[in-house]
Structures are given as C-alpha cells and as structure tokens.
Amino acid sequence: EEEEEEEEEEEEEEEEEEEEEEEEEEEEGKEEEEEEEEGKEEEGKEEEGKEEEGEGEKEEEEEEEEEEEEEEEEEEEEEEEEEEEEEGEGEEEEGEEEEEEEEEEEEEEEEEEEEEEEEEEEGEGEEEEEEEEEEEEEEEEEEEEEEEEEEEEEEEEEEAEAEAEAEEEAEEEEEEEEEEEEEEEEEEEEEESRLLRESIKYASQNPPQIY
C-alpha cells in the first residue's frame, strides 16, 4: 500500500510538474505572442511614421513646386513687362527717327529752293554784268577811236610843222626830221605795243560772251 501510495504521489507530482510545464509553456507562448504583437505594433507605428514622413516630404515637394511655379510666373510677367517697355521705347525711337527724317527732308527742300533762288539771282546778275561789260567795251572802243583821231591829228600837225621847218631849214631840218621820224616811229611802236598790250589785257579780262 505504501508503494502504491508512493507511486500515486509520484504520478501526481509528475502530473503537477507536467501541468506546471504546460502552464509555463502557455505563459511563454503568451509572452511570445505579446512580444510579436508589440513588434507588429511598433512596425506599424514605424510604417505610419514613414508614411507620414513621406506625406510630409510630398507636401514639401508640392509646396516647393508651387513656389517655383509662382516664381516662374512672376519672372514671365516681369519679362513681358520689360518687353512691353522695350517695345514702347522702340516705338518712341521710331517716331523720333521719322520726325528727324521729315525735318531733314524739309531742310533739303529749303536748301534746294535757296539754291534755285541763288541760281536765278546769279543768272540775273550775269545778265547785268554782261550788259555792263558790253557798255564798257563800247565806251572803251569809243575812247580808243577818239585817242586814235587825236593821235592822227597830232601826227598831221607834227608833219605840217616838220614840213614847214624842213622848208626853212635845209640839212639840219632834214636831220632833225629824220631824228623826229625815228622818234615818232619809236613812239608809234611803243603806242602800238601799248595799245596791243591794253587790248590783250582787256580781252583777257573780258572774254567774249556767247548767247
């Protein structure tokens, strides 16, 4: 009986030990499950954090893109304004250039008119000068004719006097006459050369006019 009791006690102890082991295994399993759940929760939290970070980065990227687009739009607007201003300045410059060209054309027309008037005045002046020159030529010719007539008269008087003296004085008069004749010839030559020089000078100063 004692042996049976001991065996029963041993069996009970073994059963208790088995139960304890089972309980320990169950507790370990629960702990492992809890740890796994905690790990899963942490992983989920990490993923959520990553997702939130990704969303934040996306939002930042979107904001940066929007800012860049706004900056580009502002730059385009500024460029358009500058182009409009340059076009306005170009139109003003073109207007000024056109005004300058018109002024230059007007000045050229005025100069042409002045030149035409000057040419007309010069033509009238030339006609007057020609008439004056003709009158002067006629006066000079008349004066020359008068001088020639006077010279001829003087020569005739001198010849008459020479003849009278020749009759009164013989050889001396002849010699004197010869000398006088020589002198007269020289004077005539000088006079002719003088007249020739004057006529050449006059002709050079007053060339013939062709109408």
Protein backbone atom coordinates (compact mmCIF):
# COMPACT_ATOMS: atom_id res chain seq x y z
CA GLU A 1 0.00 0.00 0.00
CA GLU A 2 2.81 2.36 0.82
CA GLU A 3 4.38 1.60 -2.52
CA GLU A 4 1.10 2.26 -4.26
CA GLU A 5 0.71 5.49 -2.38
CA GLU A 6 4.24 6.50 -3.30
CA GLU A 7 3.58 5.66 -6.90
CA GLU A 8 0.37 7.66 -6.85
CA GLU A 9 2.15 10.56 -5.22
CA GLU A 10 4.90 10.35 -7.81
CA GLU A 11 2.33 10.24 -10.55
CA GLU A 12 0.56 13.24 -9.07
CA GLU A 13 3.82 15.08 -8.78
CA GLU A 14 4.65 14.22 -12.36
CA GLU A 15 1.21 15.37 -13.41
CA GLU A 16 1.66 18.58 -11.46
CA GLU A 17 5.07 19.08 -13.00
CA GLU A 18 3.60 18.44 -16.42
CA GLU A 19 0.82 20.89 -15.70
CA GLU A 20 3.33 23.46 -14.49
CA GLU A 21 5.42 22.87 -17.57
CA GLU A 22 2.32 23.25 -19.74
CA GLU A 23 1.38 26.42 -17.88
CA GLU A 24 4.92 27.72 -18.30
CA GLU A 25 4.81 26.84 -21.98
CA GLU A 26 1.46 28.58 -22.30
CA GLU A 27 2.81 31.64 -20.50
CA GLU A 28 5.89 31.61 -22.70
CA GLY A 29 3.62 31.28 -25.74
CA LYS A 30 1.53 34.19 -24.49
CA GLU A 31 4.63 36.25 -23.85
CA GLU A 32 5.92 35.43 -27.32
CA GLU A 33 2.56 36.35 -28.80
CA GLU A 34 2.57 39.59 -26.84
CA GLU A 35 6.10 40.33 -27.97
CA GLU A 36 5.11 39.56 -31.54
CA GLU A 37 2.08 41.82 -31.23
CA GLU A 38 4.21 44.56 -29.72
CA GLY A 39 6.74 44.12 -32.53
CA LYS A 40 3.93 44.29 -35.04
CA GLU A 41 2.56 47.39 -33.38
CA GLU A 42 5.99 49.01 -33.42
CA GLU A 43 6.44 48.06 -37.06
CA GLY A 44 3.01 49.50 -37.78
CA LYS A 45 3.94 52.67 -35.95
CA GLU A 46 7.23 52.88 -37.84
CA GLU A 47 5.41 52.38 -41.13
CA GLU A 48 2.88 55.02 -40.16
CA GLY A 49 5.76 57.35 -39.26
CA LYS A 50 7.42 56.60 -42.56
CA GLU A 51 4.15 57.19 -44.38
CA GLU A 52 3.67 60.44 -42.50
CA GLU A 53 7.24 61.44 -43.32
CA GLY A 54 6.66 60.50 -46.96
CA GLU A 55 3.46 62.51 -47.00
CA GLY A 56 5.29 65.44 -45.36
CA GLU A 57 8.04 65.20 -47.94
CA LYS A 58 5.45 65.07 -50.71
CA GLU A 59 3.73 68.11 -49.27
CA GLU A 60 7.07 69.93 -49.04
CA GLU A 61 7.88 68.94 -52.63
CA GLU A 62 4.45 70.11 -53.76
CA GLU A 63 4.91 73.39 -51.90
CA GLU A 64 8.36 73.84 -53.44
CA GLU A 65 6.94 73.10 -56.89
CA GLU A 66 4.15 75.60 -56.32
CA GLU A 67 6.67 78.21 -55.17
CA GLU A 68 8.84 77.52 -58.21
CA GLU A 69 5.82 77.82 -60.49
CA GLU A 70 4.85 81.10 -58.84
CA GLU A 71 8.41 82.39 -59.22
CA GLU A 72 8.44 81.34 -62.88
CA GLU A 73 5.11 83.08 -63.45
CA GLU A 74 6.42 86.23 -61.77
CA GLU A 75 9.58 86.10 -63.89
CA GLU A 76 7.50 85.64 -67.03
CA GLU A 77 5.30 88.58 -66.06
CA GLU A 78 8.38 90.72 -65.42
CA GLU A 79 9.87 89.68 -68.77
CA GLU A 80 6.61 90.52 -70.52
CA GLU A 81 6.53 93.92 -68.82
CA GLU A 82 10.14 94.55 -69.83
CA GLU A 83 9.39 93.51 -73.41
CA GLU A 84 6.37 95.82 -73.47
CA GLU A 85 8.51 98.66 -72.13
CA GLU A 86 11.21 97.94 -74.73
CA GLU A 87 8.58 97.85 -77.46
CA GLY A 88 7.23 101.17 -76.22
CA GLU A 89 10.73 102.64 -76.23
CA GLY A 90 11.34 101.20 -79.71
CA GLU A 91 8.13 102.82 -80.98
CA GLU A 92 9.17 106.13 -79.44
CA GLU A 93 12.60 105.86 -81.08
CA GLU A 94 10.97 105.04 -84.42
CA GLY A 95 8.71 108.06 -84.05
CA GLU A 96 11.69 110.28 -83.25
CA GLU A 97 13.62 108.87 -86.24
CA GLU A 98 10.66 109.54 -88.52
CA GLU A 99 10.42 113.11 -87.22
CA GLU A 100 14.16 113.60 -87.78
CA GLU A 101 13.86 112.23 -91.33
CA GLU A 102 10.95 114.58 -92.04
CA GLU A 103 12.95 117.52 -90.68
CA GLU A 104 15.94 116.53 -92.83
CA GLU A 105 13.71 116.30 -95.90
CA GLU A 106 12.26 119.73 -95.16
CA GLU A 107 15.75 121.17 -94.72
CA GLU A 108 16.85 119.61 -98.02
CA GLU A 109 13.83 121.09 -99.79
CA GLU A 110 14.57 124.50 -98.28
CA GLU A 111 18.20 124.23 -99.38
CA GLU A 112 17.12 123.28 -102.90
CA GLU A 113 14.76 126.26 -103.03
CA GLU A 114 17.52 128.56 -101.78
CA GLU A 115 19.91 127.16 -104.40
CA GLU A 116 17.32 127.72 -107.13
CA GLU A 117 16.79 131.30 -105.94
CA GLU A 118 20.54 131.86 -105.85
CA GLU A 119 20.88 130.45 -109.35
CA GLU A 120 18.12 132.76 -110.58
CA GLU A 121 19.79 135.72 -108.88
CA GLU A 122 23.14 134.68 -110.34
CA GLY A 123 21.55 134.43 -113.78
CA GLU A 124 20.11 137.93 -113.43
CA GLY A 125 23.43 139.18 -112.10
CA GLU A 126 25.28 137.61 -115.01
CA GLU A 127 22.95 139.29 -117.48
CA GLU A 128 23.51 142.63 -115.79
CA GLU A 129 27.26 142.05 -115.75
CA GLU A 130 27.23 141.17 -119.44
CA GLU A 131 25.29 144.32 -120.26
CA GLU A 132 27.69 146.41 -118.19
CA GLU A 133 30.66 144.75 -119.86
CA GLU A 134 29.22 145.45 -123.29
CA GLU A 135 28.66 149.08 -122.37
CA GLU A 136 32.19 149.33 -121.01
CA GLU A 137 33.56 147.76 -124.18
CA GLU A 138 31.66 150.22 -126.32
CA GLU A 139 32.90 153.13 -124.21
CA GLU A 140 36.46 151.87 -124.40
CA GLU A 141 36.20 151.46 -128.16
CA GLU A 142 34.90 154.99 -128.47
CA GLU A 143 37.72 156.27 -126.28
CA GLU A 144 40.26 154.37 -128.37
CA GLU A 145 38.82 155.81 -131.56
CA GLU A 146 38.99 159.31 -130.09
CA GLU A 147 42.56 158.73 -128.99
CA GLU A 148 43.47 157.47 -132.45
CA GLU A 149 41.86 160.50 -134.05
CA GLU A 150 43.71 162.80 -131.69
CA GLU A 151 46.94 160.99 -132.43
CA GLU A 152 46.32 161.29 -136.13
CA GLU A 153 45.61 164.98 -135.76
CA GLU A 154 48.74 165.40 -133.72
CA GLU A 155 50.73 163.49 -136.30
CA GLU A 156 49.31 165.63 -139.05
CA GLU A 157 50.19 168.76 -137.13
CA GLU A 158 53.65 167.45 -136.42
CA GLU A 159 54.11 166.55 -140.06
CA ALA A 160 52.97 170.00 -141.13
CA GLU A 161 55.32 171.61 -138.69
CA ALA A 162 58.09 169.32 -139.79
CA GLU A 163 57.46 170.18 -143.42
CA ALA A 164 57.49 173.89 -142.60
CA GLU A 165 60.67 173.54 -140.68
CA ALA A 166 62.13 171.40 -143.42
CA GLU A 167 61.45 174.13 -145.90
CA GLU A 168 63.03 176.74 -143.65
CA GLU A 169 65.97 174.65 -142.63
CA ALA A 170 67.80 172.51 -145.03
CA GLU A 171 70.08 169.83 -143.91
CA GLU A 172 69.58 170.47 -140.24
CA GLU A 173 65.89 170.22 -140.67
CA GLU A 174 66.28 167.03 -142.66
CA GLU A 175 68.43 165.55 -139.95
CA GLU A 176 66.05 166.76 -137.34
CA GLU A 177 63.18 165.38 -139.36
CA GLU A 178 64.91 162.05 -139.61
CA GLU A 179 65.51 162.06 -135.89
CA GLU A 180 61.95 163.14 -135.30
CA GLU A 181 60.70 160.46 -137.64
CA GLU A 182 62.73 157.87 -135.83
CA GLU A 183 61.44 159.13 -132.53
CA GLU A 184 57.91 159.16 -133.88
CA GLU A 185 58.31 155.64 -135.17
CA GLU A 186 59.55 154.53 -131.79
CA GLU A 187 56.67 156.33 -130.15
CA GLU A 188 54.25 154.77 -132.58
CA GLU A 189 55.73 151.36 -131.96
CA GLU A 190 55.53 151.97 -128.26
CA GLU A 191 51.99 153.26 -128.66
CA GLU A 192 51.05 150.29 -130.80
CA SER A 193 52.66 147.93 -128.35
CA ARG A 194 50.87 149.74 -125.53
CA LEU A 195 47.56 149.53 -127.35
CA LEU A 196 48.24 145.90 -128.15
CA ARG A 197 49.01 145.17 -124.51
CA GLU A 198 45.89 147.01 -123.43
CA SER A 199 43.75 145.15 -125.95
CA ILE A 200 45.28 141.82 -124.86
CA LYS A 201 44.75 142.75 -121.22
CA TYR A 202 41.19 143.83 -121.93
CA ALA A 203 40.48 140.70 -123.94
CA SER A 204 41.88 138.51 -121.16
CA GLN A 205 39.83 140.34 -118.56
CA ASN A 206 36.70 140.46 -120.73
CA PRO A 207 36.34 137.26 -122.74
CA PRO A 208 33.72 137.29 -125.49
CA GLN A 209 30.22 136.27 -124.34
CA ILE A 210 28.29 133.65 -126.30
CA TYR A 211 24.50 133.82 -126.18
